[in-house]
C-alpha atoms as a PDB file:
ATOM      1  CA  MET A   1     300.178 -60.630 -97.082  1.00  0.00           C
ATOM      2  CA  LYS A   2     301.159 -61.399-101.276  1.00  0.00           C
ATOM      3  CA  GLN A   3     299.716 -64.604-100.803  1.00  0.00           C
ATOM      4  CA  GLU A   4     296.675 -62.943-100.028  1.00  0.00           C
ATOM      5  CA  ALA A   5     296.706 -61.983-103.553  1.00  0.00           C
ATOM      6  CA  ALA A   6     296.027 -64.710-105.810  1.00  0.00           C
ATOM      7  CA  ASP A   7     293.757 -66.444-108.173  1.00  0.00           C
ATOM      8  CA  GLN A   8     295.234 -70.044-106.488  1.00  0.00           C
ATOM      9  CA  ILE A   9     297.672 -71.760-103.978  1.00  0.00           C
ATOM     10  CA  VAL A  10     299.073 -75.329-104.007  1.00  0.00           C
ATOM     11  CA  VAL A  11     300.881 -76.346-100.735  1.00  0.00           C
ATOM     12  CA  LEU A  12     303.057 -79.366-101.286  1.00  0.00           C
ATOM     13  CA  ALA A  13     304.264 -81.502 -98.470  1.00  0.00           C
ATOM     14  CA  GLU A  14     306.089 -84.696 -99.186  1.00  0.00           C
ATOM     15  CA  GLY A  15     305.922 -83.794-102.964  1.00  0.00           C
ATOM     16  CA  VAL A  16     302.549 -84.318-103.480  1.00  0.00           C
ATOM     17  CA  VAL A  17     299.657 -81.670-103.817  1.00  0.00           C
ATOM     18  CA  ALA A  18     298.336 -81.546 -99.532  1.00  0.00           C
ATOM     19  CA  GLU A  19     296.586 -78.249-100.147  1.00  0.00           C
ATOM     20  CA  LYS A  20     295.282 -76.030-103.009  1.00  0.00           C
ATOM     21  CA  GLY A  21     293.095 -73.307-103.566  1.00  0.00           C
ATOM     22  CA  ASN A  22     292.878 -68.996-102.439  1.00  0.00           C
ATOM     23  CA  HIS A  23     294.689 -67.927 -99.348  1.00  0.00           C
ATOM     24  CA  GLU A  24     290.588 -67.318 -98.142  1.00  0.00           C
ATOM     25  CA  THR A  25     289.161 -71.290 -98.419  1.00  0.00           C
ATOM     26  CA  LEU A  26     293.255 -72.613 -97.341  1.00  0.00           C
ATOM     27  CA  MET A  27     292.101 -70.569 -94.036  1.00  0.00           C
ATOM     28  CA  LYS A  28     288.815 -71.713 -93.514  1.00  0.00           C
ATOM     29  CA  LYS A  29     290.223 -75.332 -94.308  1.00  0.00           C
ATOM     30  CA  HIS A  30     292.724 -75.142 -90.685  1.00  0.00           C
ATOM     31  CA  GLY A  31     295.042 -77.354 -92.535  1.00  0.00           C
ATOM     32  CA  LEU A  32     298.644 -76.993 -93.916  1.00  0.00           C
ATOM     33  CA  TYR A  33     298.472 -73.774 -95.153  1.00  0.00           C
ATOM     34  CA  ARG A  34     296.936 -72.625 -92.013  1.00  0.00           C
ATOM     35  CA  LYS A  35     299.768 -73.485 -90.059  1.00  0.00           C
ATOM     36  CA  LEU A  36     302.545 -72.024 -91.774  1.00  0.00           C
ATOM     37  CA  VAL A  37     300.035 -68.695 -92.436  1.00  0.00           C
ATOM     38  CA  ASP A  38     300.532 -68.967 -88.640  1.00  0.00           C
ATOM     39  CA  PHE A  39     303.863 -69.357 -87.798  1.00  0.00           C
ATOM     40  CA  GLN A  40     304.839 -66.978 -90.534  1.00  0.00           C
ATOM     41  CA  THR A  41     302.465 -64.628 -88.605  1.00  0.00           C
ATOM     42  CA  GLU A  42     303.966 -65.385 -85.052  1.00  0.00           C
ATOM     43  CA  SER A  43     307.998 -65.337 -86.120  1.00  0.00           C
ATOM     44  CA  ALA A  44     307.312 -61.793 -87.628  1.00  0.00           C
ATOM     45  CA  ASN A  45     307.802 -60.585 -83.468  1.00  0.00           C
ATOM     46  CA  TRP A  46     310.159 -62.498 -81.995  1.00  0.00           C
ATOM     47  CA  LYS A  47     313.186 -60.923 -80.997  1.00  0.00           C
ATOM     48  CA  LEU A  48     317.201 -62.082 -81.548  1.00  0.00           C
ATOM     49  CA  LEU A  49     318.761 -61.691 -77.756  1.00  0.00           C
END
C-alpha cells in the first residue's frame, strides 16, 4: 500500500484532525485510521453477485 511509505498521514473527522502520524504508529493506535485500513483490506475480497 502506498500509505505505508508516507512520512506523515493526517486523518480528518468532521473537518478536524483526528489522528496524525506514520502508517505504523497509526495502526498501533487502533483508531479511525486503523478502521479505514481494515475496511479497505476486507473490501478487497468482496465479490458482487
